[in-house]
C-alpha atoms as a PDB file:
ATOM      1  CA  MET A   1     -73.263 -69.788 -17.307  1.00  0.00           C
ATOM      2  CA  ALA A   2     -76.098 -67.510 -16.250  1.00  0.00           C
ATOM      3  CA  LEU A   3     -73.811 -64.752 -14.914  1.00  0.00           C
ATOM      4  CA  THR A   4     -70.213 -63.739 -15.406  1.00  0.00           C
ATOM      5  CA  ALA A   5     -68.057 -62.090 -12.743  1.00  0.00           C
ATOM      6  CA  THR A   6     -65.339 -59.563 -13.579  1.00  0.00           C
ATOM      7  CA  PRO A   7     -63.098 -57.746 -11.081  1.00  0.00           C
ATOM      8  CA  ILE A   8     -62.976 -53.944 -11.166  1.00  0.00           C
ATOM      9  CA  PRO A   9     -59.870 -52.533  -9.444  1.00  0.00           C
ATOM     10  CA  CYS A  10     -60.605 -49.906  -6.787  1.00  0.00           C
ATOM     11  CA  LEU A  11     -58.370 -48.012  -4.347  1.00  0.00           C
ATOM     12  CA  SER A  12     -54.910 -49.580  -4.045  1.00  0.00           C
ATOM     13  CA  ASP A  13     -55.774 -53.283  -3.893  1.00  0.00           C
ATOM     14  CA  ASN A  14     -59.566 -53.693  -3.723  1.00  0.00           C
ATOM     15  CA  TYR A  15     -61.826 -55.378  -6.241  1.00  0.00           C
ATOM     16  CA  ALA A  16     -65.486 -54.646  -6.813  1.00  0.00           C
ATOM     17  CA  TRP A  17     -67.083 -57.524  -8.706  1.00  0.00           C
ATOM     18  CA  LEU A  18     -69.216 -56.770 -11.747  1.00  0.00           C
ATOM     19  CA  LEU A  19     -71.885 -59.377 -12.462  1.00  0.00           C
ATOM     20  CA  ARG A  20     -73.344 -59.491 -15.967  1.00  0.00           C
ATOM     21  CA  ALA A  21     -76.349 -61.493 -17.125  1.00  0.00           C
ATOM     22  CA  ALA A  22     -76.719 -62.865 -20.639  1.00  0.00           C
ATOM     23  CA  ASP A  23     -79.282 -60.158 -21.377  1.00  0.00           C
ATOM     24  CA  GLY A  24     -76.799 -57.437 -20.406  1.00  0.00           C
ATOM     25  CA  ARG A  25     -78.176 -56.542 -16.987  1.00  0.00           C
ATOM     26  CA  LEU A  26     -75.552 -55.626 -14.411  1.00  0.00           C
ATOM     27  CA  ALA A  27     -74.955 -55.891 -10.674  1.00  0.00           C
ATOM     28  CA  VAL A  28     -71.908 -55.106  -8.551  1.00  0.00           C
ATOM     29  CA  CYS A  29     -70.603 -56.434  -5.249  1.00  0.00           C
ATOM     30  CA  ASP A  30     -68.660 -54.383  -2.681  1.00  0.00           C
ATOM     31  CA  PRO A  31     -67.909 -51.150  -4.572  1.00  0.00           C
ATOM     32  CA  ALA A  32     -65.157 -49.304  -2.705  1.00  0.00           C
ATOM     33  CA  GLU A  33     -65.451 -46.396  -5.127  1.00  0.00           C
ATOM     34  CA  ASP A  34     -68.116 -45.282  -7.572  1.00  0.00           C
ATOM     35  CA  ALA A  35     -65.934 -43.771 -10.331  1.00  0.00           C
ATOM     36  CA  PRO A  36     -64.071 -46.963 -11.406  1.00  0.00           C
ATOM     37  CA  VAL A  37     -67.354 -48.888 -11.439  1.00  0.00           C
ATOM     38  CA  ALA A  38     -69.142 -46.196 -13.442  1.00  0.00           C
ATOM     39  CA  ALA A  39     -66.246 -46.105 -15.909  1.00  0.00           C
ATOM     40  CA  VAL A  40     -66.947 -49.764 -16.694  1.00  0.00           C
ATOM     41  CA  ILE A  41     -70.748 -49.606 -16.576  1.00  0.00           C
ATOM     42  CA  ASP A  42     -71.350 -46.511 -18.706  1.00  0.00           C
ATOM     43  CA  PRO A  43     -69.840 -47.976 -21.908  1.00  0.00           C
ATOM     44  CA  MET A  44     -71.933 -51.097 -21.310  1.00  0.00           C
ATOM     45  CA  GLY A  45     -75.196 -49.180 -21.443  1.00  0.00           C
ATOM     46  CA  GLY A  46     -75.130 -47.147 -18.264  1.00  0.00           C
ATOM     47  CA  LYS A  47     -77.540 -49.176 -16.146  1.00  0.00           C
ATOM     48  CA  LEU A  48     -76.905 -50.886 -12.811  1.00  0.00           C
ATOM     49  CA  ASP A  49     -79.711 -52.916 -11.266  1.00  0.00           C
ATOM     50  CA  LEU A  50     -78.281 -54.203  -7.998  1.00  0.00           C
ATOM     51  CA  ILE A  51     -75.529 -53.693  -5.420  1.00  0.00           C
ATOM     52  CA  LEU A  52     -74.558 -56.571  -3.104  1.00  0.00           C
ATOM     53  CA  LEU A  53     -72.648 -55.914   0.138  1.00  0.00           C
ATOM     54  CA  THR A  54     -70.736 -58.494   2.179  1.00  0.00           C
ATOM     55  CA  HIS A  55     -69.815 -56.300   5.169  1.00  0.00           C
ATOM     56  CA  HIS A  56     -69.688 -52.742   6.411  1.00  0.00           C
ATOM     57  CA  HIS A  57     -66.055 -51.677   5.957  1.00  0.00           C
ATOM     58  CA  GLY A  58     -65.582 -48.466   4.021  1.00  0.00           C
ATOM     59  CA  ASP A  59     -63.376 -50.097   1.407  1.00  0.00           C
ATOM     60  CA  HIS A  60     -66.376 -52.239   0.448  1.00  0.00           C
ATOM     61  CA  VAL A  61     -69.246 -49.761   0.670  1.00  0.00           C
ATOM     62  CA  ALA A  62     -67.947 -46.221   0.074  1.00  0.00           C
ATOM     63  CA  GLY A  63     -68.976 -46.273  -3.582  1.00  0.00           C
ATOM     64  CA  VAL A  64     -72.594 -47.149  -2.830  1.00  0.00           C
ATOM     65  CA  PRO A  65     -74.088 -43.639  -2.408  1.00  0.00           C
ATOM     66  CA  GLY A  66     -72.633 -42.412  -5.698  1.00  0.00           C
ATOM     67  CA  LEU A  67     -73.780 -45.480  -7.614  1.00  0.00           C
ATOM     68  CA  VAL A  68     -77.282 -45.332  -6.151  1.00  0.00           C
ATOM     69  CA  ALA A  69     -77.523 -41.650  -7.056  1.00  0.00           C
ATOM     70  CA  ARG A  70     -76.245 -42.294 -10.579  1.00  0.00           C
ATOM     71  CA  TYR A  71     -78.161 -45.464 -11.465  1.00  0.00           C
ATOM     72  CA  GLY A  72     -80.915 -45.967  -8.894  1.00  0.00           C
ATOM     73  CA  ALA A  73     -79.589 -49.439  -8.094  1.00  0.00           C
ATOM     74  CA  LYS A  74     -81.149 -51.437  -5.272  1.00  0.00           C
ATOM     75  CA  VAL A  75     -78.882 -52.353  -2.355  1.00  0.00           C
ATOM     76  CA  VAL A  76     -78.768 -55.749  -0.611  1.00  0.00           C
ATOM     77  CA  GLY A  77     -76.862 -56.398   2.619  1.00  0.00           C
ATOM     78  CA  ALA A  78     -76.942 -58.202   5.927  1.00  0.00           C
ATOM     79  CA  ALA A  79     -79.792 -57.500   8.324  1.00  0.00           C
ATOM     80  CA  ALA A  80     -77.387 -58.045  11.230  1.00  0.00           C
ATOM     81  CA  ASP A  81     -75.102 -55.323   9.855  1.00  0.00           C
ATOM     82  CA  LYS A  82     -77.875 -52.962   8.747  1.00  0.00           C
ATOM     83  CA  HIS A  83     -76.986 -50.283  11.283  1.00  0.00           C
ATOM     84  CA  ARG A  84     -73.480 -49.973   9.792  1.00  0.00           C
ATOM     85  CA  LEU A  85     -74.278 -50.290   6.094  1.00  0.00           C
ATOM     86  CA  PRO A  86     -75.594 -47.761   3.575  1.00  0.00           C
ATOM     87  CA  PRO A  87     -79.417 -47.757   3.386  1.00  0.00           C
ATOM     88  CA  LEU A  88     -80.635 -51.189   2.278  1.00  0.00           C
ATOM     89  CA  ASP A  89     -83.527 -52.004  -0.026  1.00  0.00           C
ATOM     90  CA  GLN A  90     -83.299 -55.662   0.988  1.00  0.00           C
ATOM     91  CA  ALA A  91     -81.896 -56.825   4.324  1.00  0.00           C
ATOM     92  CA  VAL A  92     -80.991 -60.513   4.279  1.00  0.00           C
ATOM     93  CA  SER A  93     -79.826 -63.188   6.696  1.00  0.00           C
ATOM     94  CA  PRO A  94     -77.929 -66.468   6.264  1.00  0.00           C
ATOM     95  CA  GLY A  95     -80.264 -69.037   4.732  1.00  0.00           C
ATOM     96  CA  ASP A  96     -82.056 -66.467   2.581  1.00  0.00           C
ATOM     97  CA  THR A  97     -81.872 -66.330  -1.194  1.00  0.00           C
ATOM     98  CA  VAL A  98     -81.539 -63.210  -3.319  1.00  0.00           C
ATOM     99  CA  ASP A  99     -82.574 -62.773  -6.943  1.00  0.00           C
ATOM    100  CA  VAL A 100     -79.445 -61.543  -8.704  1.00  0.00           C
ATOM    101  CA  LEU A 101     -80.270 -60.699 -12.322  1.00  0.00           C
ATOM    102  CA  GLY A 102     -82.478 -63.775 -12.591  1.00  0.00           C
ATOM    103  CA  SER A 103     -80.136 -66.151 -10.749  1.00  0.00           C
ATOM    104  CA  LYS A 104     -80.562 -67.306  -7.166  1.00  0.00           C
ATOM    105  CA  ALA A 105     -77.835 -66.313  -4.719  1.00  0.00           C
ATOM    106  CA  ALA A 106     -77.720 -68.174  -1.412  1.00  0.00           C
ATOM    107  CA  VAL A 107     -76.781 -65.970   1.545  1.00  0.00           C
ATOM    108  CA  LEU A 108     -74.103 -67.671   3.641  1.00  0.00           C
ATOM    109  CA  ALA A 109     -72.890 -66.810   7.138  1.00  0.00           C
ATOM    110  CA  SER A 110     -69.213 -65.853   7.038  1.00  0.00           C
ATOM    111  CA  ASP A 111     -68.413 -64.227  10.370  1.00  0.00           C
ATOM    112  CA  GLY A 112     -64.836 -63.927  11.549  1.00  0.00           C
ATOM    113  CA  HIS A 113     -63.366 -60.875   9.841  1.00  0.00           C
ATOM    114  CA  THR A 114     -66.359 -58.892  11.101  1.00  0.00           C
ATOM    115  CA  ARG A 115     -69.600 -59.711  12.863  1.00  0.00           C
ATOM    116  CA  GLY A 116     -72.492 -59.890  10.432  1.00  0.00           C
ATOM    117  CA  HIS A 117     -70.277 -60.648   7.418  1.00  0.00           C
ATOM    118  CA  ILE A 118     -72.095 -62.603   4.709  1.00  0.00           C
ATOM    119  CA  ALA A 119     -71.191 -64.214   1.403  1.00  0.00           C
ATOM    120  CA  PHE A 120     -73.280 -64.811  -1.703  1.00  0.00           C
ATOM    121  CA  HIS A 121     -73.128 -68.141  -3.558  1.00  0.00           C
ATOM    122  CA  ILE A 122     -74.636 -68.098  -7.049  1.00  0.00           C
ATOM    123  CA  ALA A 123     -74.698 -71.809  -7.778  1.00  0.00           C
ATOM    124  CA  ASP A 124     -75.847 -71.746 -11.411  1.00  0.00           C
ATOM    125  CA  SER A 125     -72.894 -69.520 -12.292  1.00  0.00           C
ATOM    126  CA  HIS A 126     -70.317 -71.109  -9.941  1.00  0.00           C
ATOM    127  CA  ILE A 127     -69.696 -67.720  -8.305  1.00  0.00           C
ATOM    128  CA  LEU A 128     -68.845 -67.048  -4.663  1.00  0.00           C
ATOM    129  CA  LEU A 129     -68.748 -63.413  -3.537  1.00  0.00           C
ATOM    130  CA  CYS A 130     -66.918 -63.758  -0.244  1.00  0.00           C
ATOM    131  CA  GLY A 131     -65.715 -60.263   0.671  1.00  0.00           C
ATOM    132  CA  ASP A 132     -62.883 -60.448   3.190  1.00  0.00           C
ATOM    133  CA  THR A 133     -63.535 -63.921   4.629  1.00  0.00           C
ATOM    134  CA  LEU A 134     -61.675 -66.108   2.146  1.00  0.00           C
ATOM    135  CA  PHE A 135     -58.782 -64.810   0.064  1.00  0.00           C
ATOM    136  CA  SER A 136     -56.646 -66.707  -2.391  1.00  0.00           C
ATOM    137  CA  LEU A 137     -54.047 -68.364  -0.140  1.00  0.00           C
ATOM    138  CA  GLY A 138     -55.366 -66.500   2.898  1.00  0.00           C
ATOM    139  CA  CYS A 139     -58.279 -65.404   5.040  1.00  0.00           C
ATOM    140  CA  GLY A 140     -59.429 -62.156   6.597  1.00  0.00           C
ATOM    141  CA  ARG A 141     -57.946 -60.720   9.749  1.00  0.00           C
ATOM    142  CA  LEU A 142     -60.025 -61.455  12.870  1.00  0.00           C
ATOM    143  CA  LEU A 143     -61.011 -57.855  13.537  1.00  0.00           C
ATOM    144  CA  GLU A 144     -64.343 -58.500  15.282  1.00  0.00           C
ATOM    145  CA  GLY A 145     -64.846 -62.240  15.152  1.00  0.00           C
ATOM    146  CA  THR A 146     -63.124 -65.293  16.606  1.00  0.00           C
ATOM    147  CA  ALA A 147     -61.017 -68.105  15.238  1.00  0.00           C
ATOM    148  CA  GLU A 148     -63.962 -70.412  15.938  1.00  0.00           C
ATOM    149  CA  GLN A 149     -66.223 -68.285  13.719  1.00  0.00           C
ATOM    150  CA  MET A 150     -63.631 -68.057  10.954  1.00  0.00           C
ATOM    151  CA  PHE A 151     -63.011 -71.804  11.076  1.00  0.00           C
ATOM    152  CA  ALA A 152     -66.749 -72.452  10.620  1.00  0.00           C
ATOM    153  CA  SER A 153     -66.980 -69.887   7.834  1.00  0.00           C
ATOM    154  CA  LEU A 154     -64.019 -71.293   5.911  1.00  0.00           C
ATOM    155  CA  ALA A 155     -65.289 -74.849   6.349  1.00  0.00           C
ATOM    156  CA  ALA A 156     -68.663 -73.879   4.879  1.00  0.00           C
ATOM    157  CA  LEU A 157     -67.074 -72.126   1.906  1.00  0.00           C
ATOM    158  CA  ALA A 158     -64.605 -74.967   1.321  1.00  0.00           C
ATOM    159  CA  ALA A 159     -67.545 -77.391   1.116  1.00  0.00           C
ATOM    160  CA  LEU A 160     -68.857 -75.656  -2.018  1.00  0.00           C
ATOM    161  CA  PRO A 161     -68.242 -77.325  -5.395  1.00  0.00           C
ATOM    162  CA  GLY A 162     -64.602 -77.234  -6.453  1.00  0.00           C
ATOM    163  CA  GLU A 163     -65.288 -75.281  -9.647  1.00  0.00           C
ATOM    164  CA  THR A 164     -66.792 -72.398  -7.647  1.00  0.00           C
ATOM    165  CA  LEU A 165     -65.039 -69.115  -8.450  1.00  0.00           C
ATOM    166  CA  VAL A 166     -63.636 -67.333  -5.396  1.00  0.00           C
ATOM    167  CA  CYS A 167     -64.418 -63.647  -5.978  1.00  0.00           C
ATOM    168  CA  CYS A 168     -62.907 -61.936  -2.949  1.00  0.00           C
ATOM    169  CA  GLY A 169     -62.318 -58.336  -2.037  1.00  0.00           C
ATOM    170  CA  HIS A 170     -58.557 -57.786  -2.358  1.00  0.00           C
ATOM    171  CA  GLU A 171     -55.524 -58.488  -4.516  1.00  0.00           C
ATOM    172  CA  TYR A 172     -53.590 -60.113  -1.680  1.00  0.00           C
ATOM    173  CA  THR A 173     -52.481 -63.340  -3.349  1.00  0.00           C
ATOM    174  CA  GLU A 174     -48.746 -62.626  -3.657  1.00  0.00           C
ATOM    175  CA  SER A 175     -48.439 -61.274  -0.116  1.00  0.00           C
ATOM    176  CA  ASN A 176     -50.469 -64.220   1.192  1.00  0.00           C
ATOM    177  CA  ALA A 177     -48.209 -66.569  -0.753  1.00  0.00           C
ATOM    178  CA  ARG A 178     -45.084 -65.321   0.988  1.00  0.00           C
ATOM    179  CA  PHE A 179     -46.557 -66.387   4.315  1.00  0.00           C
ATOM    180  CA  ALA A 180     -48.321 -69.534   3.097  1.00  0.00           C
ATOM    181  CA  ILE A 181     -45.110 -71.113   1.850  1.00  0.00           C
ATOM    182  CA  THR A 182     -43.615 -70.800   5.350  1.00  0.00           C
ATOM    183  CA  VAL A 183     -46.539 -72.830   6.697  1.00  0.00           C
ATOM    184  CA  GLU A 184     -46.517 -75.549   4.019  1.00  0.00           C
ATOM    185  CA  PRO A 185     -43.092 -75.407   2.325  1.00  0.00           C
ATOM    186  CA  ASP A 186     -43.521 -78.821   0.697  1.00  0.00           C
ATOM    187  CA  ASN A 187     -47.038 -78.279  -0.706  1.00  0.00           C
ATOM    188  CA  ALA A 188     -46.757 -78.808  -4.474  1.00  0.00           C
ATOM    189  CA  ALA A 189     -50.181 -77.290  -5.154  1.00  0.00           C
ATOM    190  CA  LEU A 190     -49.163 -74.179  -3.222  1.00  0.00           C
ATOM    191  CA  LYS A 191     -45.926 -73.863  -5.175  1.00  0.00           C
ATOM    192  CA  ALA A 192     -47.855 -74.156  -8.443  1.00  0.00           C
ATOM    193  CA  ARG A 193     -50.381 -71.537  -7.332  1.00  0.00           C
ATOM    194  CA  ILE A 194     -47.570 -69.151  -6.350  1.00  0.00           C
ATOM    195  CA  ALA A 195     -45.973 -69.531  -9.781  1.00  0.00           C
ATOM    196  CA  GLU A 196     -49.337 -68.950 -11.437  1.00  0.00           C
ATOM    197  CA  ALA A 197     -50.012 -65.815  -9.376  1.00  0.00           C
ATOM    198  CA  GLN A 198     -46.568 -64.397 -10.095  1.00  0.00           C
ATOM    199  CA  ALA A 199     -47.104 -64.898 -13.822  1.00  0.00           C
ATOM    200  CA  GLN A 200     -50.539 -63.303 -13.668  1.00  0.00           C
ATOM    201  CA  ARG A 201     -49.228 -60.218 -11.883  1.00  0.00           C
ATOM    202  CA  ALA A 202     -46.202 -59.962 -14.175  1.00  0.00           C
ATOM    203  CA  ALA A 203     -48.654 -59.857 -17.086  1.00  0.00           C
ATOM    204  CA  GLY A 204     -50.655 -57.123 -15.372  1.00  0.00           C
ATOM    205  CA  LYS A 205     -53.607 -59.423 -14.700  1.00  0.00           C
ATOM    206  CA  PRO A 206     -55.591 -60.077 -11.505  1.00  0.00           C
ATOM    207  CA  THR A 207     -54.848 -63.304  -9.629  1.00  0.00           C
ATOM    208  CA  LEU A 208     -58.602 -63.634  -9.094  1.00  0.00           C
ATOM    209  CA  PRO A 209     -60.921 -65.348  -9.233  1.00  0.00           C
ATOM    210  CA  SER A 210     -59.337 -68.493  -7.902  1.00  0.00           C
ATOM    211  CA  THR A 211     -61.404 -71.627  -7.285  1.00  0.00           C
ATOM    212  CA  ILE A 212     -62.550 -73.499  -4.220  1.00  0.00           C
ATOM    213  CA  ALA A 213     -60.614 -76.540  -5.459  1.00  0.00           C
ATOM    214  CA  SER A 214     -57.427 -74.473  -5.626  1.00  0.00           C
ATOM    215  CA  GLU A 215     -57.953 -73.085  -2.125  1.00  0.00           C
ATOM    216  CA  ARG A 216     -58.605 -76.555  -0.696  1.00  0.00           C
ATOM    217  CA  ALA A 217     -55.305 -77.716  -2.146  1.00  0.00           C
ATOM    218  CA  ALA A 218     -53.094 -74.692  -1.496  1.00  0.00           C
ATOM    219  CA  ASN A 219     -54.541 -72.368   1.167  1.00  0.00           C
ATOM    220  CA  PRO A 220     -53.146 -73.173   4.649  1.00  0.00           C
ATOM    221  CA  PHE A 221     -56.061 -71.402   6.372  1.00  0.00           C
ATOM    222  CA  VAL A 222     -58.629 -73.551   4.563  1.00  0.00           C
ATOM    223  CA  ARG A 223     -56.478 -76.628   5.227  1.00  0.00           C
ATOM    224  CA  ALA A 224     -56.190 -76.005   8.979  1.00  0.00           C
ATOM    225  CA  PRO A 225     -57.566 -79.162  10.656  1.00  0.00           C
ATOM    226  CA  ASP A 226     -58.950 -77.473  13.758  1.00  0.00           C
ATOM    227  CA  ILE A 227     -59.690 -74.127  15.398  1.00  0.00           C
ATOM    228  CA  ALA A 228     -56.452 -74.019  17.393  1.00  0.00           C
ATOM    229  CA  THR A 229     -54.348 -74.519  14.279  1.00  0.00           C
ATOM    230  CA  LEU A 230     -56.249 -71.828  12.412  1.00  0.00           C
ATOM    231  CA  ALA A 231     -55.798 -69.420  15.329  1.00  0.00           C
ATOM    232  CA  HIS A 232     -52.066 -70.174  15.398  1.00  0.00           C
ATOM    233  CA  ILE A 233     -51.671 -69.635  11.649  1.00  0.00           C
ATOM    234  CA  ARG A 234     -53.729 -66.448  11.712  1.00  0.00           C
ATOM    235  CA  ALA A 235     -51.626 -65.036  14.553  1.00  0.00           C
ATOM    236  CA  GLY A 236     -48.524 -65.914  12.576  1.00  0.00           C
ATOM    237  CA  LYS A 237     -49.817 -64.060   9.533  1.00  0.00           C
ATOM    238  CA  ASP A 238     -50.704 -61.030  11.646  1.00  0.00           C
ATOM    239  CA  ASN A 239     -47.075 -60.776  12.787  1.00  0.00           C
ATOM    240  CA  PHE A 240     -45.456 -61.792   9.493  1.00  0.00           C
ATOM    241  CA  ARG A 241     -43.133 -59.296   7.818  1.00  0.00           C
END
């Protein structure tokens, strides 16, 4: 593949995603902190070309100023969210493409969690950088957007090739699983995914990336047949303890 994607743990449960090209060039998506990212980059040659941002929340952008100061990386984010993001070198909109270390990333609309949220699909590497829209076995809270927007966003992401890697912003899989199994208690794919995630965490490994195929089979939010069902499930998750 043209690029590889590796999660870098930040804060308590965030992941920044490090993208590496075959020639060693590096990019990062949604750095919540600069120090954990720098700790990975410096031993790899100490150069960062690009920073991709999916949305404006502090736990996705707070590391940007430090990384820009340290490496001079260029910053790409949504034009619609420009007023709430760190200074952008390239403001993009859904339908645009971005050169990411020599690969083309399609900019996808993914409103719902926030207004102006975007995702990046790097087709030649089977990578989806989806921020807080799609999680493994879950989806983002509707903080600014509507169930209608989230339904459209999830449908668009679910239509990507099944082998696409879901590189999302948080290690939420086990907590999502506890709710998901109450929605689809007889879903064999969900049960298998829960067992896999538990084994991954027990071994000290991330549960991510997952795949679009896995989310189609096991994620009740992706599997919701209509907007009303998604809204009902999302409300249930919001109140789940």
